[in-house]
Amino acid sequence: MCSQILSNKNIIIDKHEILSKVWESEHYDLNTVTTSIMRLRKKLDNNYEKYIKTVHGRGYILES
């Protein structure tokens, strides 16, 4: 998932796109993406707002 976001800096990526490209399965739902983003942010030591931003109703963006 991290590479999916990193390769698309400054581009909004919606949850459906992340789900289909990372997990490539219909056995997961959008909560999988939300939970994974939350865990990734925790690993970034609460500096996630500098890196991964939520775009309400659209998805996520990695700002440079």
PDB file of N, CA and C in Angstrom:
ATOM      1  N   MET A   1       0.816  -1.177   0.000  1.00  0.00           N
ATOM      2  CA  MET A   1       0.000   0.000   0.000  1.00  0.00           C
ATOM      3  C   MET A   1       0.863   1.246   0.000  1.00  0.00           C
ATOM      4  N   CYS A   2       1.917   1.210   0.744  1.00  0.00           N
ATOM      5  CA  CYS A   2       2.798   2.365   0.852  1.00  0.00           C
ATOM      6  C   CYS A   2       3.348   2.763  -0.521  1.00  0.00           C
ATOM      7  N   SER A   3       3.751   1.786  -1.311  1.00  0.00           N
ATOM      8  CA  SER A   3       4.291   2.101  -2.634  1.00  0.00           C
ATOM      9  C   SER A   3       3.228   2.694  -3.547  1.00  0.00           C
ATOM     10  N   GLN A   4       1.982   2.264  -3.369  1.00  0.00           N
ATOM     11  CA  GLN A   4       0.873   2.807  -4.159  1.00  0.00           C
ATOM     12  C   GLN A   4       0.723   4.300  -3.883  1.00  0.00           C
ATOM     13  N   ILE A   5       0.800   4.672  -2.635  1.00  0.00           N
ATOM     14  CA  ILE A   5       0.667   6.077  -2.266  1.00  0.00           C
ATOM     15  C   ILE A   5       1.919   6.858  -2.661  1.00  0.00           C
ATOM     16  N   LEU A   6       3.082   6.281  -2.393  1.00  0.00           N
ATOM     17  CA  LEU A   6       4.335   6.980  -2.700  1.00  0.00           C
ATOM     18  C   LEU A   6       4.523   7.246  -4.185  1.00  0.00           C
ATOM     19  N   SER A   7       4.044   6.344  -5.020  1.00  0.00           N
ATOM     20  CA  SER A   7       4.219   6.529  -6.459  1.00  0.00           C
ATOM     21  C   SER A   7       3.218   7.521  -7.049  1.00  0.00           C
ATOM     22  N   ASN A   8       2.311   8.035  -6.221  1.00  0.00           N
ATOM     23  CA  ASN A   8       1.304   8.983  -6.691  1.00  0.00           C
ATOM     24  C   ASN A   8       1.283  10.245  -5.839  1.00  0.00           C
ATOM     25  N   LYS A   9       2.443  10.834  -5.606  1.00  0.00           N
ATOM     26  CA  LYS A   9       2.511  12.060  -4.803  1.00  0.00           C
ATOM     27  C   LYS A   9       1.653  13.146  -5.422  1.00  0.00           C
ATOM     28  N   ASN A  10       0.984  13.881  -4.544  1.00  0.00           N
ATOM     29  CA  ASN A  10       0.138  15.020  -4.928  1.00  0.00           C
ATOM     30  C   ASN A  10      -1.055  14.625  -5.798  1.00  0.00           C
ATOM     31  N   ILE A  11      -1.414  13.362  -5.786  1.00  0.00           N
ATOM     32  CA  ILE A  11      -2.580  12.884  -6.526  1.00  0.00           C
ATOM     33  C   ILE A  11      -3.512  12.209  -5.530  1.00  0.00           C
ATOM     34  N   ILE A  12      -4.780  12.561  -5.564  1.00  0.00           N
ATOM     35  CA  ILE A  12      -5.751  11.935  -4.674  1.00  0.00           C
ATOM     36  C   ILE A  12      -6.020  10.519  -5.168  1.00  0.00           C
ATOM     37  N   ILE A  13      -5.893   9.564  -4.241  1.00  0.00           N
ATOM     38  CA  ILE A  13      -6.159   8.160  -4.554  1.00  0.00           C
ATOM     39  C   ILE A  13      -7.355   7.735  -3.728  1.00  0.00           C
ATOM     40  N   ASP A  14      -8.408   7.261  -4.386  1.00  0.00           N
ATOM     41  CA  ASP A  14      -9.573   6.864  -3.612  1.00  0.00           C
ATOM     42  C   ASP A  14      -9.402   5.462  -3.027  1.00  0.00           C
ATOM     43  N   LYS A  15     -10.230   5.169  -2.037  1.00  0.00           N
ATOM     44  CA  LYS A  15     -10.120   3.901  -1.319  1.00  0.00           C
ATOM     45  C   LYS A  15     -10.327   2.703  -2.236  1.00  0.00           C
ATOM     46  N   HIS A  16     -11.215   2.827  -3.198  1.00  0.00           N
ATOM     47  CA  HIS A  16     -11.470   1.720  -4.125  1.00  0.00           C
ATOM     48  C   HIS A  16     -10.220   1.386  -4.938  1.00  0.00           C
ATOM     49  N   GLU A  17      -9.510   2.415  -5.370  1.00  0.00           N
ATOM     50  CA  GLU A  17      -8.291   2.203  -6.153  1.00  0.00           C
ATOM     51  C   GLU A  17      -7.212   1.527  -5.310  1.00  0.00           C
ATOM     52  N   ILE A  18      -7.052   1.991  -4.078  1.00  0.00           N
ATOM     53  CA  ILE A  18      -6.071   1.373  -3.186  1.00  0.00           C
ATOM     54  C   ILE A  18      -6.446  -0.081  -2.939  1.00  0.00           C
ATOM     55  N   LEU A  19      -7.704  -0.332  -2.662  1.00  0.00           N
ATOM     56  CA  LEU A  19      -8.181  -1.690  -2.385  1.00  0.00           C
ATOM     57  C   LEU A  19      -7.922  -2.618  -3.556  1.00  0.00           C
ATOM     58  N   SER A  20      -8.227  -2.176  -4.759  1.00  0.00           N
ATOM     59  CA  SER A  20      -8.058  -3.049  -5.927  1.00  0.00           C
ATOM     60  C   SER A  20      -6.595  -3.276  -6.300  1.00  0.00           C
ATOM     61  N   LYS A  21      -5.749  -2.272  -6.112  1.00  0.00           N
ATOM     62  CA  LYS A  21      -4.347  -2.416  -6.511  1.00  0.00           C
ATOM     63  C   LYS A  21      -3.473  -3.076  -5.457  1.00  0.00           C
ATOM     64  N   VAL A  22      -3.840  -2.925  -4.193  1.00  0.00           N
ATOM     65  CA  VAL A  22      -3.013  -3.479  -3.128  1.00  0.00           C
ATOM     66  C   VAL A  22      -3.438  -4.890  -2.770  1.00  0.00           C
ATOM     67  N   TRP A  23      -4.730  -5.096  -2.560  1.00  0.00           N
ATOM     68  CA  TRP A  23      -5.186  -6.401  -2.098  1.00  0.00           C
ATOM     69  C   TRP A  23      -5.674  -7.302  -3.230  1.00  0.00           C
ATOM     70  N   GLU A  24      -6.041  -6.729  -4.355  1.00  0.00           N
ATOM     71  CA  GLU A  24      -6.464  -7.493  -5.537  1.00  0.00           C
ATOM     72  C   GLU A  24      -7.456  -8.601  -5.202  1.00  0.00           C
ATOM     73  N   SER A  25      -8.389  -8.286  -4.329  1.00  0.00           N
ATOM     74  CA  SER A  25      -9.354  -9.287  -3.911  1.00  0.00           C
ATOM     75  C   SER A  25     -10.660  -8.618  -3.518  1.00  0.00           C
ATOM     76  N   GLU A  26     -11.748  -9.324  -3.698  1.00  0.00           N
ATOM     77  CA  GLU A  26     -13.055  -8.824  -3.300  1.00  0.00           C
ATOM     78  C   GLU A  26     -13.416  -9.273  -1.889  1.00  0.00           C
ATOM     79  N   HIS A  27     -12.497  -9.952  -1.216  1.00  0.00           N
ATOM     80  CA  HIS A  27     -12.758 -10.441   0.130  1.00  0.00           C
ATOM     81  C   HIS A  27     -12.539  -9.363   1.184  1.00  0.00           C
ATOM     82  N   TYR A  28     -12.081  -8.209   0.779  1.00  0.00           N
ATOM     83  CA  TYR A  28     -11.823  -7.109   1.686  1.00  0.00           C
ATOM     84  C   TYR A  28     -12.834  -6.006   1.425  1.00  0.00           C
ATOM     85  N   ASP A  29     -12.985  -5.110   2.391  1.00  0.00           N
ATOM     86  CA  ASP A  29     -13.868  -3.969   2.171  1.00  0.00           C
ATOM     87  C   ASP A  29     -13.101  -2.669   2.421  1.00  0.00           C
ATOM     88  N   LEU A  30     -13.775  -1.559   2.294  1.00  0.00           N
ATOM     89  CA  LEU A  30     -13.105  -0.261   2.415  1.00  0.00           C
ATOM     90  C   LEU A  30     -12.563  -0.004   3.816  1.00  0.00           C
ATOM     91  N   ASN A  31     -13.116  -0.679   4.815  1.00  0.00           N
ATOM     92  CA  ASN A  31     -12.577  -0.533   6.174  1.00  0.00           C
ATOM     93  C   ASN A  31     -11.153  -1.070   6.262  1.00  0.00           C
ATOM     94  N   THR A  32     -10.810  -2.006   5.393  1.00  0.00           N
ATOM     95  CA  THR A  32      -9.435  -2.530   5.345  1.00  0.00           C
ATOM     96  C   THR A  32      -8.469  -1.405   4.995  1.00  0.00           C
ATOM     97  N   VAL A  33      -8.838  -0.586   4.049  1.00  0.00           N
ATOM     98  CA  VAL A  33      -7.993   0.536   3.638  1.00  0.00           C
ATOM     99  C   VAL A  33      -7.879   1.543   4.779  1.00  0.00           C
ATOM    100  N   THR A  34      -9.006   1.892   5.382  1.00  0.00           N
ATOM    101  CA  THR A  34      -9.017   2.856   6.476  1.00  0.00           C
ATOM    102  C   THR A  34      -8.140   2.391   7.636  1.00  0.00           C
ATOM    103  N   THR A  35      -8.279   1.127   8.001  1.00  0.00           N
ATOM    104  CA  THR A  35      -7.485   0.568   9.100  1.00  0.00           C
ATOM    105  C   THR A  35      -6.004   0.548   8.757  1.00  0.00           C
ATOM    106  N   SER A  36      -5.681   0.186   7.535  1.00  0.00           N
ATOM    107  CA  SER A  36      -4.277   0.137   7.118  1.00  0.00           C
ATOM    108  C   SER A  36      -3.651   1.529   7.096  1.00  0.00           C
ATOM    109  N   ILE A  37      -4.387   2.520   6.655  1.00  0.00           N
ATOM    110  CA  ILE A  37      -3.895   3.902   6.667  1.00  0.00           C
ATOM    111  C   ILE A  37      -3.656   4.345   8.107  1.00  0.00           C
ATOM    112  N   MET A  38      -4.586   3.994   9.007  1.00  0.00           N
ATOM    113  CA  MET A  38      -4.440   4.342  10.409  1.00  0.00           C
ATOM    114  C   MET A  38      -3.162   3.722  10.997  1.00  0.00           C
ATOM    115  N   ARG A  39      -2.911   2.462  10.687  1.00  0.00           N
ATOM    116  CA  ARG A  39      -1.713   1.782  11.187  1.00  0.00           C
ATOM    117  C   ARG A  39      -0.437   2.386  10.598  1.00  0.00           C
ATOM    118  N   LEU A  40      -0.490   2.744   9.332  1.00  0.00           N
ATOM    119  CA  LEU A  40       0.660   3.377   8.692  1.00  0.00           C
ATOM    120  C   LEU A  40       0.964   4.721   9.344  1.00  0.00           C
ATOM    121  N   ARG A  41      -0.083   5.473   9.639  1.00  0.00           N
ATOM    122  CA  ARG A  41       0.100   6.767  10.294  1.00  0.00           C
ATOM    123  C   ARG A  41       0.726   6.602  11.677  1.00  0.00           C
ATOM    124  N   LYS A  42       0.315   5.596  12.410  1.00  0.00           N
ATOM    125  CA  LYS A  42       0.896   5.348  13.738  1.00  0.00           C
ATOM    126  C   LYS A  42       2.387   5.055  13.630  1.00  0.00           C
ATOM    127  N   LYS A  43       2.772   4.349  12.586  1.00  0.00           N
ATOM    128  CA  LYS A  43       4.186   4.036  12.387  1.00  0.00           C
ATOM    129  C   LYS A  43       4.990   5.280  12.022  1.00  0.00           C
ATOM    130  N   LEU A  44       4.324   6.304  11.548  1.00  0.00           N
ATOM    131  CA  LEU A  44       4.992   7.553  11.195  1.00  0.00           C
ATOM    132  C   LEU A  44       5.106   8.482  12.404  1.00  0.00           C
ATOM    133  N   ASP A  45       4.880   7.949  13.600  1.00  0.00           N
ATOM    134  CA  ASP A  45       5.076   8.677  14.856  1.00  0.00           C
ATOM    135  C   ASP A  45       4.295   9.989  14.934  1.00  0.00           C
ATOM    136  N   ASN A  46       3.031   9.936  14.641  1.00  0.00           N
ATOM    137  CA  ASN A  46       2.139  11.095  14.761  1.00  0.00           C
ATOM    138  C   ASN A  46       2.521  12.272  13.862  1.00  0.00           C
ATOM    139  N   ASN A  47       3.387  12.044  12.915  1.00  0.00           N
ATOM    140  CA  ASN A  47       3.717  13.077  11.932  1.00  0.00           C
ATOM    141  C   ASN A  47       2.945  12.849  10.635  1.00  0.00           C
ATOM    142  N   TYR A  48       1.922  12.007  10.706  1.00  0.00           N
ATOM    143  CA  TYR A  48       1.196  11.629   9.501  1.00  0.00           C
ATOM    144  C   TYR A  48       0.551  12.803   8.795  1.00  0.00           C
ATOM    145  N   GLU A  49       0.174  13.841   9.551  1.00  0.00           N
ATOM    146  CA  GLU A  49      -0.471  14.976   8.902  1.00  0.00           C
ATOM    147  C   GLU A  49       0.460  15.667   7.914  1.00  0.00           C
ATOM    148  N   LYS A  50       1.756  15.487   8.106  1.00  0.00           N
ATOM    149  CA  LYS A  50       2.726  16.043   7.173  1.00  0.00           C
ATOM    150  C   LYS A  50       2.810  15.206   5.907  1.00  0.00           C
ATOM    151  N   TYR A  51       2.391  13.964   5.992  1.00  0.00           N
ATOM    152  CA  TYR A  51       2.600  13.026   4.896  1.00  0.00           C
ATOM    153  C   TYR A  51       1.304  12.602   4.203  1.00  0.00           C
ATOM    154  N   ILE A  52       0.474  11.873   4.912  1.00  0.00           N
ATOM    155  CA  ILE A  52      -0.739  11.328   4.308  1.00  0.00           C
ATOM    156  C   ILE A  52      -1.939  12.119   4.808  1.00  0.00           C
ATOM    157  N   LYS A  53      -2.598  12.787   3.903  1.00  0.00           N
ATOM    158  CA  LYS A  53      -3.769  13.576   4.264  1.00  0.00           C
ATOM    159  C   LYS A  53      -5.036  12.918   3.738  1.00  0.00           C
ATOM    160  N   THR A  54      -6.083  13.038   4.514  1.00  0.00           N
ATOM    161  CA  THR A  54      -7.384  12.550   4.091  1.00  0.00           C
ATOM    162  C   THR A  54      -8.085  13.669   3.341  1.00  0.00           C
ATOM    163  N   VAL A  55      -8.607  13.353   2.186  1.00  0.00           N
ATOM    164  CA  VAL A  55      -9.418  14.290   1.418  1.00  0.00           C
ATOM    165  C   VAL A  55     -10.847  13.782   1.549  1.00  0.00           C
ATOM    166  N   HIS A  56     -11.618  14.437   2.408  1.00  0.00           N
ATOM    167  CA  HIS A  56     -12.949  13.964   2.768  1.00  0.00           C
ATOM    168  C   HIS A  56     -13.808  13.663   1.538  1.00  0.00           C
ATOM    169  N   GLY A  57     -14.333  12.459   1.516  1.00  0.00           N
ATOM    170  CA  GLY A  57     -15.213  12.039   0.430  1.00  0.00           C
ATOM    171  C   GLY A  57     -14.496  11.648  -0.852  1.00  0.00           C
ATOM    172  N   ARG A  58     -13.164  11.750  -0.868  1.00  0.00           N
ATOM    173  CA  ARG A  58     -12.413  11.457  -2.087  1.00  0.00           C
ATOM    174  C   ARG A  58     -11.375  10.371  -1.897  1.00  0.00           C
ATOM    175  N   GLY A  59     -10.613  10.426  -0.796  1.00  0.00           N
ATOM    176  CA  GLY A  59      -9.569   9.419  -0.580  1.00  0.00           C
ATOM    177  C   GLY A  59      -8.408   9.984   0.206  1.00  0.00           C
ATOM    178  N   TYR A  60      -7.197   9.657  -0.244  1.00  0.00           N
ATOM    179  CA  TYR A  60      -5.977  10.069   0.460  1.00  0.00           C
ATOM    180  C   TYR A  60      -5.004  10.688  -0.526  1.00  0.00           C
ATOM    181  N   ILE A  61      -4.146  11.553   0.012  1.00  0.00           N
ATOM    182  CA  ILE A  61      -3.128  12.183  -0.809  1.00  0.00           C
ATOM    183  C   ILE A  61      -1.823  12.265  -0.021  1.00  0.00           C
ATOM    184  N   LEU A  62      -0.729  12.037  -0.694  1.00  0.00           N
ATOM    185  CA  LEU A  62       0.594  12.210  -0.105  1.00  0.00           C
ATOM    186  C   LEU A  62       1.143  13.508  -0.664  1.00  0.00           C
ATOM    187  N   GLU A  63       1.276  14.495   0.192  1.00  0.00           N
ATOM    188  CA  GLU A  63       1.776  15.789  -0.257  1.00  0.00           C
ATOM    189  C   GLU A  63       3.256  15.876  -0.047  1.00  0.00           C
ATOM    190  N   SER A  64       3.929  16.444  -1.010  1.00  0.00           N
ATOM    191  CA  SER A  64       5.390  16.577  -0.889  1.00  0.00           C
ATOM    192  C   SER A  64       5.753  17.883  -0.248  1.00  0.00           C
TER     193      SER A  64
END
